[in-house]
Amino acid sequence: MTSLKALALVCTLKPSPAASSSDLITEHVLAELGKYDVTGEAIRLVDLDIRPGVEADMGNGDRWPDVRRRILDADILLIATPTWLGQMSSVAKRALERLDAELSETDDEGRPILFG
């Protein structure tokens, strides 16, 4: 049996190496998943140049294409975000906006590319 892979997008507003509750909860969740033979990795998005937009690649310097590839390679996607005044962080909103580009992408069978 093949191990599942989890990818966590940590959407804290605090750049590394600052302590972050979103990062801490991600560590806990990935550790729990590890008990079920799930390998995991976390990406602190605020440390990357993730350009605004709804395309898979927003041009020179945009780091989203690498994040996107890692999302497509994962079996489980986690989004860890702080809550500010009842809202997710702006970093999480940007990640979801970028994921919006995947809604029109389909596989060879016509299913959304993120299906399954």
PDB file of N, CA and C in Angstrom:
ATOM      1  N   MET A   1       0.836  -1.177   0.000  1.00  0.00           N
ATOM      2  CA  MET A   1       0.000   0.000   0.000  1.00  0.00           C
ATOM      3  C   MET A   1       0.887   1.249   0.000  1.00  0.00           C
ATOM      4  N   THR A   2       0.520   2.206  -0.793  1.00  0.00           N
ATOM      5  CA  THR A   2       1.280   3.442  -0.894  1.00  0.00           C
ATOM      6  C   THR A   2       0.827   4.421   0.182  1.00  0.00           C
ATOM      7  N   SER A   3       1.786   5.073   0.786  1.00  0.00           N
ATOM      8  CA  SER A   3       1.511   6.079   1.802  1.00  0.00           C
ATOM      9  C   SER A   3       0.884   7.305   1.157  1.00  0.00           C
ATOM     10  N   LEU A   4      -0.049   7.926   1.865  1.00  0.00           N
ATOM     11  CA  LEU A   4      -0.644   9.176   1.398  1.00  0.00           C
ATOM     12  C   LEU A   4       0.285  10.338   1.723  1.00  0.00           C
ATOM     13  N   LYS A   5       0.168  11.415   0.923  1.00  0.00           N
ATOM     14  CA  LYS A   5       0.962  12.615   1.153  1.00  0.00           C
ATOM     15  C   LYS A   5       0.027  13.772   1.489  1.00  0.00           C
ATOM     16  N   ALA A   6       0.377  14.502   2.539  1.00  0.00           N
ATOM     17  CA  ALA A   6      -0.385  15.689   2.937  1.00  0.00           C
ATOM     18  C   ALA A   6       0.476  16.927   2.712  1.00  0.00           C
ATOM     19  N   LEU A   7      -0.166  17.988   2.270  1.00  0.00           N
ATOM     20  CA  LEU A   7       0.496  19.274   2.119  1.00  0.00           C
ATOM     21  C   LEU A   7      -0.309  20.296   2.900  1.00  0.00           C
ATOM     22  N   ALA A   8       0.374  21.029   3.759  1.00  0.00           N
ATOM     23  CA  ALA A   8      -0.281  22.069   4.552  1.00  0.00           C
ATOM     24  C   ALA A   8       0.176  23.436   4.072  1.00  0.00           C
ATOM     25  N   LEU A   9      -0.779  24.276   3.733  1.00  0.00           N
ATOM     26  CA  LEU A   9      -0.491  25.663   3.408  1.00  0.00           C
ATOM     27  C   LEU A   9      -0.697  26.464   4.685  1.00  0.00           C
ATOM     28  N   VAL A  10       0.393  26.936   5.261  1.00  0.00           N
ATOM     29  CA  VAL A  10       0.334  27.703   6.499  1.00  0.00           C
ATOM     30  C   VAL A  10       0.146  29.167   6.107  1.00  0.00           C
ATOM     31  N   CYS A  11      -0.980  29.733   6.492  1.00  0.00           N
ATOM     32  CA  CYS A  11      -1.374  31.063   6.030  1.00  0.00           C
ATOM     33  C   CYS A  11      -1.257  32.125   7.115  1.00  0.00           C
ATOM     34  N   THR A  12      -0.273  31.943   7.982  1.00  0.00           N
ATOM     35  CA  THR A  12       0.016  32.951   8.990  1.00  0.00           C
ATOM     36  C   THR A  12       0.447  34.244   8.310  1.00  0.00           C
ATOM     37  N   LEU A  13       0.319  35.349   9.016  1.00  0.00           N
ATOM     38  CA  LEU A  13       0.816  36.633   8.513  1.00  0.00           C
ATOM     39  C   LEU A  13       2.241  36.904   8.966  1.00  0.00           C
ATOM     40  N   LYS A  14       2.773  35.995   9.796  1.00  0.00           N
ATOM     41  CA  LYS A  14       4.110  36.184  10.374  1.00  0.00           C
ATOM     42  C   LYS A  14       5.163  35.447   9.544  1.00  0.00           C
ATOM     43  N   PRO A  15       6.137  36.186   8.989  1.00  0.00           N
ATOM     44  CA  PRO A  15       7.206  35.514   8.240  1.00  0.00           C
ATOM     45  C   PRO A  15       8.096  34.677   9.161  1.00  0.00           C
ATOM     46  N   SER A  16       8.746  33.693   8.588  1.00  0.00           N
ATOM     47  CA  SER A  16       9.712  32.875   9.333  1.00  0.00           C
ATOM     48  C   SER A  16      10.848  33.765   9.803  1.00  0.00           C
ATOM     49  N   PRO A  17      11.403  33.471  10.936  1.00  0.00           N
ATOM     50  CA  PRO A  17      11.173  32.337  11.832  1.00  0.00           C
ATOM     51  C   PRO A  17      10.216  32.653  12.986  1.00  0.00           C
ATOM     52  N   ALA A  18       9.396  33.686  12.868  1.00  0.00           N
ATOM     53  CA  ALA A  18       8.498  34.070  13.960  1.00  0.00           C
ATOM     54  C   ALA A  18       7.573  32.913  14.349  1.00  0.00           C
ATOM     55  N   ALA A  19       7.297  32.809  15.630  1.00  0.00           N
ATOM     56  CA  ALA A  19       6.358  31.801  16.117  1.00  0.00           C
ATOM     57  C   ALA A  19       4.969  32.097  15.562  1.00  0.00           C
ATOM     58  N   SER A  20       4.238  31.043  15.265  1.00  0.00           N
ATOM     59  CA  SER A  20       2.911  31.194  14.674  1.00  0.00           C
ATOM     60  C   SER A  20       1.997  30.085  15.173  1.00  0.00           C
ATOM     61  N   SER A  21       0.813  30.445  15.628  1.00  0.00           N
ATOM     62  CA  SER A  21      -0.139  29.429  16.078  1.00  0.00           C
ATOM     63  C   SER A  21      -0.616  28.580  14.897  1.00  0.00           C
ATOM     64  N   SER A  22      -0.703  29.167  13.718  1.00  0.00           N
ATOM     65  CA  SER A  22      -1.099  28.393  12.532  1.00  0.00           C
ATOM     66  C   SER A  22      -0.045  27.342  12.203  1.00  0.00           C
ATOM     67  N   ASP A  23       1.206  27.706  12.357  1.00  0.00           N
ATOM     68  CA  ASP A  23       2.296  26.758  12.133  1.00  0.00           C
ATOM     69  C   ASP A  23       2.272  25.666  13.187  1.00  0.00           C
ATOM     70  N   LEU A  24       2.026  26.037  14.434  1.00  0.00           N
ATOM     71  CA  LEU A  24       1.989  25.063  15.532  1.00  0.00           C
ATOM     72  C   LEU A  24       0.867  24.049  15.325  1.00  0.00           C
ATOM     73  N   ILE A  25      -0.318  24.519  14.979  1.00  0.00           N
ATOM     74  CA  ILE A  25      -1.430  23.580  14.771  1.00  0.00           C
ATOM     75  C   ILE A  25      -1.161  22.681  13.572  1.00  0.00           C
ATOM     76  N   THR A  26      -0.488  23.226  12.550  1.00  0.00           N
ATOM     77  CA  THR A  26      -0.113  22.417  11.395  1.00  0.00           C
ATOM     78  C   THR A  26       0.828  21.289  11.813  1.00  0.00           C
ATOM     79  N   GLU A  27       1.807  21.610  12.644  1.00  0.00           N
ATOM     80  CA  GLU A  27       2.728  20.583  13.136  1.00  0.00           C
ATOM     81  C   GLU A  27       1.965  19.475  13.860  1.00  0.00           C
ATOM     82  N   HIS A  28       1.002  19.861  14.677  1.00  0.00           N
ATOM     83  CA  HIS A  28       0.204  18.866  15.420  1.00  0.00           C
ATOM     84  C   HIS A  28      -0.621  17.990  14.473  1.00  0.00           C
ATOM     85  N   VAL A  29      -1.262  18.603  13.509  1.00  0.00           N
ATOM     86  CA  VAL A  29      -2.096  17.835  12.567  1.00  0.00           C
ATOM     87  C   VAL A  29      -1.222  16.889  11.740  1.00  0.00           C
ATOM     88  N   LEU A  30      -0.094  17.373  11.238  1.00  0.00           N
ATOM     89  CA  LEU A  30       0.780  16.503  10.452  1.00  0.00           C
ATOM     90  C   LEU A  30       1.346  15.364  11.305  1.00  0.00           C
ATOM     91  N   ALA A  31       1.632  15.629  12.570  1.00  0.00           N
ATOM     92  CA  ALA A  31       2.101  14.566  13.464  1.00  0.00           C
ATOM     93  C   ALA A  31       1.020  13.506  13.661  1.00  0.00           C
ATOM     94  N   GLU A  32      -0.216  13.934  13.823  1.00  0.00           N
ATOM     95  CA  GLU A  32      -1.324  12.975  13.978  1.00  0.00           C
ATOM     96  C   GLU A  32      -1.519  12.164  12.704  1.00  0.00           C
ATOM     97  N   LEU A  33      -1.454  12.819  11.545  1.00  0.00           N
ATOM     98  CA  LEU A  33      -1.581  12.099  10.281  1.00  0.00           C
ATOM     99  C   LEU A  33      -0.441  11.098  10.109  1.00  0.00           C
ATOM    100  N   GLY A  34       0.741  11.453  10.607  1.00  0.00           N
ATOM    101  CA  GLY A  34       1.888  10.560  10.532  1.00  0.00           C
ATOM    102  C   GLY A  34       1.643   9.233  11.226  1.00  0.00           C
ATOM    103  N   LYS A  35       0.795   9.229  12.241  1.00  0.00           N
ATOM    104  CA  LYS A  35       0.447   7.987  12.941  1.00  0.00           C
ATOM    105  C   LYS A  35      -0.289   7.020  12.021  1.00  0.00           C
ATOM    106  N   TYR A  36      -0.832   7.535  10.923  1.00  0.00           N
ATOM    107  CA  TYR A  36      -1.570   6.721   9.960  1.00  0.00           C
ATOM    108  C   TYR A  36      -0.773   6.557   8.661  1.00  0.00           C
ATOM    109  N   ASP A  37       0.543   6.694   8.778  1.00  0.00           N
ATOM    110  CA  ASP A  37       1.462   6.507   7.661  1.00  0.00           C
ATOM    111  C   ASP A  37       1.278   7.552   6.556  1.00  0.00           C
ATOM    112  N   VAL A  38       0.840   8.742   6.938  1.00  0.00           N
ATOM    113  CA  VAL A  38       0.719   9.852   5.997  1.00  0.00           C
ATOM    114  C   VAL A  38       1.978  10.714   6.141  1.00  0.00           C
ATOM    115  N   THR A  39       2.684  10.924   5.032  1.00  0.00           N
ATOM    116  CA  THR A  39       3.826  11.831   5.064  1.00  0.00           C
ATOM    117  C   THR A  39       3.308  13.243   4.828  1.00  0.00           C
ATOM    118  N   GLY A  40       3.973  14.207   5.424  1.00  0.00           N
ATOM    119  CA  GLY A  40       3.470  15.564   5.285  1.00  0.00           C
ATOM    120  C   GLY A  40       4.555  16.606   5.202  1.00  0.00           C
ATOM    121  N   GLU A  41       4.179  17.728   4.609  1.00  0.00           N
ATOM    122  CA  GLU A  41       5.068  18.876   4.551  1.00  0.00           C
ATOM    123  C   GLU A  41       4.213  20.125   4.675  1.00  0.00           C
ATOM    124  N   ALA A  42       4.832  21.183   5.180  1.00  0.00           N
ATOM    125  CA  ALA A  42       4.146  22.461   5.353  1.00  0.00           C
ATOM    126  C   ALA A  42       4.892  23.542   4.578  1.00  0.00           C
ATOM    127  N   ILE A  43       4.130  24.463   4.017  1.00  0.00           N
ATOM    128  CA  ILE A  43       4.697  25.614   3.323  1.00  0.00           C
ATOM    129  C   ILE A  43       4.122  26.865   3.981  1.00  0.00           C
ATOM    130  N   ARG A  44       4.992  27.718   4.484  1.00  0.00           N
ATOM    131  CA  ARG A  44       4.559  28.995   5.058  1.00  0.00           C
ATOM    132  C   ARG A  44       4.485  29.991   3.895  1.00  0.00           C
ATOM    133  N   LEU A  45       3.278  30.222   3.412  1.00  0.00           N
ATOM    134  CA  LEU A  45       3.091  31.004   2.195  1.00  0.00           C
ATOM    135  C   LEU A  45       3.589  32.434   2.285  1.00  0.00           C
ATOM    136  N   VAL A  46       3.532  33.049   3.472  1.00  0.00           N
ATOM    137  CA  VAL A  46       3.954  34.438   3.604  1.00  0.00           C
ATOM    138  C   VAL A  46       5.441  34.609   3.278  1.00  0.00           C
ATOM    139  N   ASP A  47       6.206  33.537   3.327  1.00  0.00           N
ATOM    140  CA  ASP A  47       7.630  33.595   3.009  1.00  0.00           C
ATOM    141  C   ASP A  47       7.895  33.590   1.502  1.00  0.00           C
ATOM    142  N   LEU A  48       6.860  33.363   0.705  1.00  0.00           N
ATOM    143  CA  LEU A  48       7.012  33.259  -0.747  1.00  0.00           C
ATOM    144  C   LEU A  48       6.336  34.430  -1.451  1.00  0.00           C
ATOM    145  N   ASP A  49       6.783  34.724  -2.645  1.00  0.00           N
ATOM    146  CA  ASP A  49       6.145  35.751  -3.464  1.00  0.00           C
ATOM    147  C   ASP A  49       4.998  35.095  -4.227  1.00  0.00           C
ATOM    148  N   ILE A  50       3.827  35.124  -3.608  1.00  0.00           N
ATOM    149  CA  ILE A  50       2.621  34.584  -4.234  1.00  0.00           C
ATOM    150  C   ILE A  50       1.846  35.786  -4.780  1.00  0.00           C
ATOM    151  N   ARG A  51       1.830  35.917  -6.073  1.00  0.00           N
ATOM    152  CA  ARG A  51       1.204  37.071  -6.703  1.00  0.00           C
ATOM    153  C   ARG A  51      -0.317  36.974  -6.648  1.00  0.00           C
ATOM    154  N   PRO A  52      -1.015  38.112  -6.589  1.00  0.00           N
ATOM    155  CA  PRO A  52      -2.476  38.072  -6.648  1.00  0.00           C
ATOM    156  C   PRO A  52      -2.932  37.680  -8.048  1.00  0.00           C
ATOM    157  N   GLY A  53      -4.086  37.066  -8.125  1.00  0.00           N
ATOM    158  CA  GLY A  53      -4.650  36.693  -9.418  1.00  0.00           C
ATOM    159  C   GLY A  53      -5.354  35.362  -9.376  1.00  0.00           C
ATOM    160  N   VAL A  54      -5.916  34.976 -10.499  1.00  0.00           N
ATOM    161  CA  VAL A  54      -6.650  33.711 -10.586  1.00  0.00           C
ATOM    162  C   VAL A  54      -6.134  32.848 -11.735  1.00  0.00           C
ATOM    163  N   GLU A  55      -4.859  32.982 -12.019  1.00  0.00           N
ATOM    164  CA  GLU A  55      -4.205  32.160 -13.042  1.00  0.00           C
ATOM    165  C   GLU A  55      -3.224  31.211 -12.352  1.00  0.00           C
ATOM    166  N   ALA A  56      -2.883  30.114 -13.040  1.00  0.00           N
ATOM    167  CA  ALA A  56      -1.936  29.157 -12.486  1.00  0.00           C
ATOM    168  C   ALA A  56      -0.538  29.768 -12.357  1.00  0.00           C
ATOM    169  N   ASP A  57      -0.209  30.722 -13.220  1.00  0.00           N
ATOM    170  CA  ASP A  57       1.093  31.376 -13.180  1.00  0.00           C
ATOM    171  C   ASP A  57       0.893  32.848 -13.512  1.00  0.00           C
ATOM    172  N   MET A  58       1.222  33.720 -12.561  1.00  0.00           N
ATOM    173  CA  MET A  58       1.029  35.159 -12.754  1.00  0.00           C
ATOM    174  C   MET A  58       2.310  35.859 -13.212  1.00  0.00           C
ATOM    175  N   GLY A  59       3.261  35.097 -13.752  1.00  0.00           N
ATOM    176  CA  GLY A  59       4.417  35.709 -14.373  1.00  0.00           C
ATOM    177  C   GLY A  59       5.696  35.664 -13.570  1.00  0.00           C
ATOM    178  N   ASN A  60       6.669  36.382 -14.075  1.00  0.00           N
ATOM    179  CA  ASN A  60       8.029  36.395 -13.554  1.00  0.00           C
ATOM    180  C   ASN A  60       8.078  36.611 -12.038  1.00  0.00           C
ATOM    181  N   GLY A  61       8.682  35.673 -11.331  1.00  0.00           N
ATOM    182  CA  GLY A  61       8.848  35.792  -9.885  1.00  0.00           C
ATOM    183  C   GLY A  61       7.729  35.168  -9.071  1.00  0.00           C
ATOM    184  N   ASP A  62       6.618  34.819  -9.693  1.00  0.00           N
ATOM    185  CA  ASP A  62       5.496  34.213  -8.974  1.00  0.00           C
ATOM    186  C   ASP A  62       5.889  32.821  -8.501  1.00  0.00           C
ATOM    187  N   ARG A  63       5.765  32.574  -7.212  1.00  0.00           N
ATOM    188  CA  ARG A  63       6.156  31.280  -6.643  1.00  0.00           C
ATOM    189  C   ARG A  63       4.990  30.291  -6.581  1.00  0.00           C
ATOM    190  N   TRP A  64       3.797  30.723  -6.986  1.00  0.00           N
ATOM    191  CA  TRP A  64       2.638  29.832  -6.925  1.00  0.00           C
ATOM    192  C   TRP A  64       2.803  28.581  -7.791  1.00  0.00           C
ATOM    193  N   PRO A  65       3.398  28.651  -8.988  1.00  0.00           N
ATOM    194  CA  PRO A  65       3.496  27.421  -9.784  1.00  0.00           C
ATOM    195  C   PRO A  65       4.144  26.247  -9.038  1.00  0.00           C
ATOM    196  N   ASP A  66       5.166  26.513  -8.220  1.00  0.00           N
ATOM    197  CA  ASP A  66       5.780  25.443  -7.432  1.00  0.00           C
ATOM    198  C   ASP A  66       4.815  24.940  -6.355  1.00  0.00           C
ATOM    199  N   VAL A  67       4.124  25.866  -5.699  1.00  0.00           N
ATOM    200  CA  VAL A  67       3.138  25.473  -4.687  1.00  0.00           C
ATOM    201  C   VAL A  67       2.035  24.644  -5.348  1.00  0.00           C
ATOM    202  N   ARG A  68       1.586  25.090  -6.496  1.00  0.00           N
ATOM    203  CA  ARG A  68       0.527  24.387  -7.249  1.00  0.00           C
ATOM    204  C   ARG A  68       0.955  22.954  -7.569  1.00  0.00           C
ATOM    205  N   ARG A  69       2.196  22.791  -8.033  1.00  0.00           N
ATOM    206  CA  ARG A  69       2.691  21.447  -8.353  1.00  0.00           C
ATOM    207  C   ARG A  69       2.651  20.558  -7.112  1.00  0.00           C
ATOM    208  N   ARG A  70       3.051  21.107  -5.977  1.00  0.00           N
ATOM    209  CA  ARG A  70       3.052  20.340  -4.736  1.00  0.00           C
ATOM    210  C   ARG A  70       1.631  20.016  -4.282  1.00  0.00           C
ATOM    211  N   ILE A  71       0.682  20.926  -4.537  1.00  0.00           N
ATOM    212  CA  ILE A  71      -0.726  20.652  -4.228  1.00  0.00           C
ATOM    213  C   ILE A  71      -1.218  19.492  -5.080  1.00  0.00           C
ATOM    214  N   LEU A  72      -0.920  19.539  -6.378  1.00  0.00           N
ATOM    215  CA  LEU A  72      -1.376  18.480  -7.285  1.00  0.00           C
ATOM    216  C   LEU A  72      -0.746  17.131  -6.944  1.00  0.00           C
ATOM    217  N   ASP A  73       0.458  17.132  -6.374  1.00  0.00           N
ATOM    218  CA  ASP A  73       1.128  15.889  -5.981  1.00  0.00           C
ATOM    219  C   ASP A  73       0.610  15.330  -4.656  1.00  0.00           C
ATOM    220  N   ALA A  74      -0.095  16.140  -3.891  1.00  0.00           N
ATOM    221  CA  ALA A  74      -0.576  15.715  -2.563  1.00  0.00           C
ATOM    222  C   ALA A  74      -1.915  14.992  -2.667  1.00  0.00           C
ATOM    223  N   ASP A  75      -2.155  14.140  -1.689  1.00  0.00           N
ATOM    224  CA  ASP A  75      -3.454  13.475  -1.563  1.00  0.00           C
ATOM    225  C   ASP A  75      -4.374  14.249  -0.629  1.00  0.00           C
ATOM    226  N   ILE A  76      -3.783  14.967   0.314  1.00  0.00           N
ATOM    227  CA  ILE A  76      -4.527  15.714   1.330  1.00  0.00           C
ATOM    228  C   ILE A  76      -4.001  17.142   1.336  1.00  0.00           C
ATOM    229  N   LEU A  77      -4.906  18.103   1.278  1.00  0.00           N
ATOM    230  CA  LEU A  77      -4.518  19.510   1.351  1.00  0.00           C
ATOM    231  C   LEU A  77      -5.106  20.107   2.616  1.00  0.00           C
ATOM    232  N   LEU A  78      -4.229  20.700   3.430  1.00  0.00           N
ATOM    233  CA  LEU A  78      -4.643  21.389   4.653  1.00  0.00           C
ATOM    234  C   LEU A  78      -4.392  22.879   4.467  1.00  0.00           C
ATOM    235  N   ILE A  79      -5.296  23.692   4.965  1.00  0.00           N
ATOM    236  CA  ILE A  79      -5.089  25.134   4.967  1.00  0.00           C
ATOM    237  C   ILE A  79      -5.220  25.593   6.413  1.00  0.00           C
ATOM    238  N   ALA A  80      -4.111  26.099   6.964  1.00  0.00           N
ATOM    239  CA  ALA A  80      -4.096  26.563   8.353  1.00  0.00           C
ATOM    240  C   ALA A  80      -4.043  28.080   8.336  1.00  0.00           C
ATOM    241  N   THR A  81      -5.019  28.710   8.965  1.00  0.00           N
ATOM    242  CA  THR A  81      -5.080  30.165   8.940  1.00  0.00           C
ATOM    243  C   THR A  81      -5.503  30.710  10.292  1.00  0.00           C
ATOM    244  N   PRO A  82      -4.949  31.850  10.662  1.00  0.00           N
ATOM    245  CA  PRO A  82      -5.491  32.535  11.836  1.00  0.00           C
ATOM    246  C   PRO A  82      -6.836  33.149  11.454  1.00  0.00           C
ATOM    247  N   THR A  83      -7.579  33.533  12.453  1.00  0.00           N
ATOM    248  CA  THR A  83      -8.853  34.214  12.223  1.00  0.00           C
ATOM    249  C   THR A  83      -8.741  35.621  12.763  1.00  0.00           C
ATOM    250  N   TRP A  84      -9.018  36.591  11.918  1.00  0.00           N
ATOM    251  CA  TRP A  84      -8.968  37.999  12.292  1.00  0.00           C
ATOM    252  C   TRP A  84     -10.358  38.575  12.091  1.00  0.00           C
ATOM    253  N   LEU A  85     -10.993  38.995  13.191  1.00  0.00           N
ATOM    254  CA  LEU A  85     -12.339  39.577  13.129  1.00  0.00           C
ATOM    255  C   LEU A  85     -13.301  38.675  12.353  1.00  0.00           C
ATOM    256  N   GLY A  86     -13.182  37.371  12.608  1.00  0.00           N
ATOM    257  CA  GLY A  86     -14.079  36.411  11.977  1.00  0.00           C
ATOM    258  C   GLY A  86     -13.730  36.057  10.545  1.00  0.00           C
ATOM    259  N   GLN A  87     -12.592  36.506  10.066  1.00  0.00           N
ATOM    260  CA  GLN A  87     -12.176  36.261   8.686  1.00  0.00           C
ATOM    261  C   GLN A  87     -10.859  35.488   8.667  1.00  0.00           C
ATOM    262  N   MET A  88     -10.661  34.681   7.620  1.00  0.00           N
ATOM    263  CA  MET A  88      -9.359  34.048   7.424  1.00  0.00           C
ATOM    264  C   MET A  88      -8.345  35.124   7.055  1.00  0.00           C
ATOM    265  N   SER A  89      -7.079  34.800   7.143  1.00  0.00           N
ATOM    266  CA  SER A  89      -6.031  35.774   6.828  1.00  0.00           C
ATOM    267  C   SER A  89      -6.039  36.126   5.344  1.00  0.00           C
ATOM    268  N   SER A  90      -5.453  37.257   5.017  1.00  0.00           N
ATOM    269  CA  SER A  90      -5.331  37.674   3.619  1.00  0.00           C
ATOM    270  C   SER A  90      -4.466  36.691   2.836  1.00  0.00           C
ATOM    271  N   VAL A  91      -3.525  36.047   3.516  1.00  0.00           N
ATOM    272  CA  VAL A  91      -2.674  35.047   2.866  1.00  0.00           C
ATOM    273  C   VAL A  91      -3.529  33.845   2.448  1.00  0.00           C
ATOM    274  N   ALA A  92      -4.439  33.405   3.315  1.00  0.00           N
ATOM    275  CA  ALA A  92      -5.334  32.296   2.992  1.00  0.00           C
ATOM    276  C   ALA A  92      -6.265  32.684   1.842  1.00  0.00           C
ATOM    277  N   LYS A  93      -6.772  33.908   1.870  1.00  0.00           N
ATOM    278  CA  LYS A  93      -7.648  34.364   0.777  1.00  0.00           C
ATOM    279  C   LYS A  93      -6.907  34.342  -0.552  1.00  0.00           C
ATOM    280  N   ARG A  94      -5.644  34.786  -0.533  1.00  0.00           N
ATOM    281  CA  ARG A  94      -4.856  34.776  -1.770  1.00  0.00           C
ATOM    282  C   ARG A  94      -4.664  33.345  -2.261  1.00  0.00           C
ATOM    283  N   ALA A  95      -4.379  32.405  -1.364  1.00  0.00           N
ATOM    284  CA  ALA A  95      -4.209  31.004  -1.761  1.00  0.00           C
ATOM    285  C   ALA A  95      -5.496  30.467  -2.379  1.00  0.00           C
ATOM    286  N   LEU A  96      -6.634  30.775  -1.773  1.00  0.00           N
ATOM    287  CA  LEU A  96      -7.904  30.303  -2.322  1.00  0.00           C
ATOM    288  C   LEU A  96      -8.207  30.955  -3.672  1.00  0.00           C
ATOM    289  N   GLU A  97      -7.840  32.214  -3.824  1.00  0.00           N
ATOM    290  CA  GLU A  97      -8.009  32.876  -5.128  1.00  0.00           C
ATOM    291  C   GLU A  97      -7.174  32.162  -6.186  1.00  0.00           C
ATOM    292  N   ARG A  98      -5.959  31.808  -5.830  1.00  0.00           N
ATOM    293  CA  ARG A  98      -5.090  31.126  -6.789  1.00  0.00           C
ATOM    294  C   ARG A  98      -5.619  29.729  -7.097  1.00  0.00           C
ATOM    295  N   LEU A  99      -6.195  29.060  -6.092  1.00  0.00           N
ATOM    296  CA  LEU A  99      -6.790  27.740  -6.334  1.00  0.00           C
ATOM    297  C   LEU A  99      -8.012  27.834  -7.241  1.00  0.00           C
ATOM    298  N   ASP A 100      -8.627  29.014  -7.305  1.00  0.00           N
ATOM    299  CA  ASP A 100      -9.787  29.216  -8.164  1.00  0.00           C
ATOM    300  C   ASP A 100      -9.453  28.910  -9.627  1.00  0.00           C
ATOM    301  N   ALA A 101      -8.201  29.110 -10.026  1.00  0.00           N
ATOM    302  CA  ALA A 101      -7.791  28.820 -11.405  1.00  0.00           C
ATOM    303  C   ALA A 101      -7.976  27.338 -11.731  1.00  0.00           C
ATOM    304  N   GLU A 102      -7.961  26.493 -10.716  1.00  0.00           N
ATOM    305  CA  GLU A 102      -8.083  25.050 -10.944  1.00  0.00           C
ATOM    306  C   GLU A 102      -9.511  24.617 -11.273  1.00  0.00           C
ATOM    307  N   LEU A 103     -10.489  25.474 -11.002  1.00  0.00           N
ATOM    308  CA  LEU A 103     -11.883  25.102 -11.251  1.00  0.00           C
ATOM    309  C   LEU A 103     -12.149  24.802 -12.721  1.00  0.00           C
ATOM    310  N   SER A 104     -11.436  25.458 -13.611  1.00  0.00           N
ATOM    311  CA  SER A 104     -11.668  25.240 -15.046  1.00  0.00           C
ATOM    312  C   SER A 104     -10.719  24.196 -15.637  1.00  0.00           C
ATOM    313  N   GLU A 105      -9.756  23.732 -14.852  1.00  0.00           N
ATOM    314  CA  GLU A 105      -8.818  22.709 -15.326  1.00  0.00           C
ATOM    315  C   GLU A 105      -9.431  21.325 -15.135  1.00  0.00           C
ATOM    316  N   THR A 106      -9.349  20.486 -16.175  1.00  0.00           N
ATOM    317  CA  THR A 106      -9.916  19.134 -16.084  1.00  0.00           C
ATOM    318  C   THR A 106      -8.883  18.092 -16.490  1.00  0.00           C
ATOM    319  N   ASP A 107      -9.126  16.855 -16.032  1.00  0.00           N
ATOM    320  CA  ASP A 107      -8.246  15.749 -16.404  1.00  0.00           C
ATOM    321  C   ASP A 107      -8.738  15.134 -17.716  1.00  0.00           C
ATOM    322  N   ASP A 108      -8.146  14.016 -18.108  1.00  0.00           N
ATOM    323  CA  ASP A 108      -8.490  13.376 -19.381  1.00  0.00           C
ATOM    324  C   ASP A 108      -9.928  12.875 -19.431  1.00  0.00           C
ATOM    325  N   GLU A 109     -10.549  12.719 -18.256  1.00  0.00           N
ATOM    326  CA  GLU A 109     -11.933  12.236 -18.203  1.00  0.00           C
ATOM    327  C   GLU A 109     -12.930  13.380 -18.001  1.00  0.00           C
ATOM    328  N   GLY A 110     -12.448  14.620 -18.072  1.00  0.00           N
ATOM    329  CA  GLY A 110     -13.334  15.769 -17.943  1.00  0.00           C
ATOM    330  C   GLY A 110     -13.677  16.155 -16.516  1.00  0.00           C
ATOM    331  N   ARG A 111     -13.026  15.524 -15.533  1.00  0.00           N
ATOM    332  CA  ARG A 111     -13.268  15.851 -14.132  1.00  0.00           C
ATOM    333  C   ARG A 111     -12.375  17.013 -13.723  1.00  0.00           C
ATOM    334  N   PRO A 112     -12.789  17.797 -12.718  1.00  0.00           N
ATOM    335  CA  PRO A 112     -11.902  18.842 -12.218  1.00  0.00           C
ATOM    336  C   PRO A 112     -10.550  18.232 -11.832  1.00  0.00           C
ATOM    337  N   ILE A 113      -9.463  18.942 -12.122  1.00  0.00           N
ATOM    338  CA  ILE A 113      -8.114  18.415 -11.921  1.00  0.00           C
ATOM    339  C   ILE A 113      -7.845  18.065 -10.448  1.00  0.00           C
ATOM    340  N   LEU A 114      -8.524  18.713  -9.523  1.00  0.00           N
ATOM    341  CA  LEU A 114      -8.336  18.426  -8.105  1.00  0.00           C
ATOM    342  C   LEU A 114      -9.276  17.328  -7.593  1.00  0.00           C
ATOM    343  N   PHE A 115     -10.033  16.676  -8.496  1.00  0.00           N
ATOM    344  CA  PHE A 115     -10.948  15.614  -8.119  1.00  0.00           C
ATOM    345  C   PHE A 115     -10.195  14.484  -7.435  1.00  0.00           C
ATOM    346  N   GLY A 116     -10.764  13.973  -6.373  1.00  0.00           N
ATOM    347  CA  GLY A 116     -10.202  12.827  -5.679  1.00  0.00           C
ATOM    348  C   GLY A 116      -9.065  13.204  -4.787  1.00  0.00           C
TER     349      GLY A 116
END
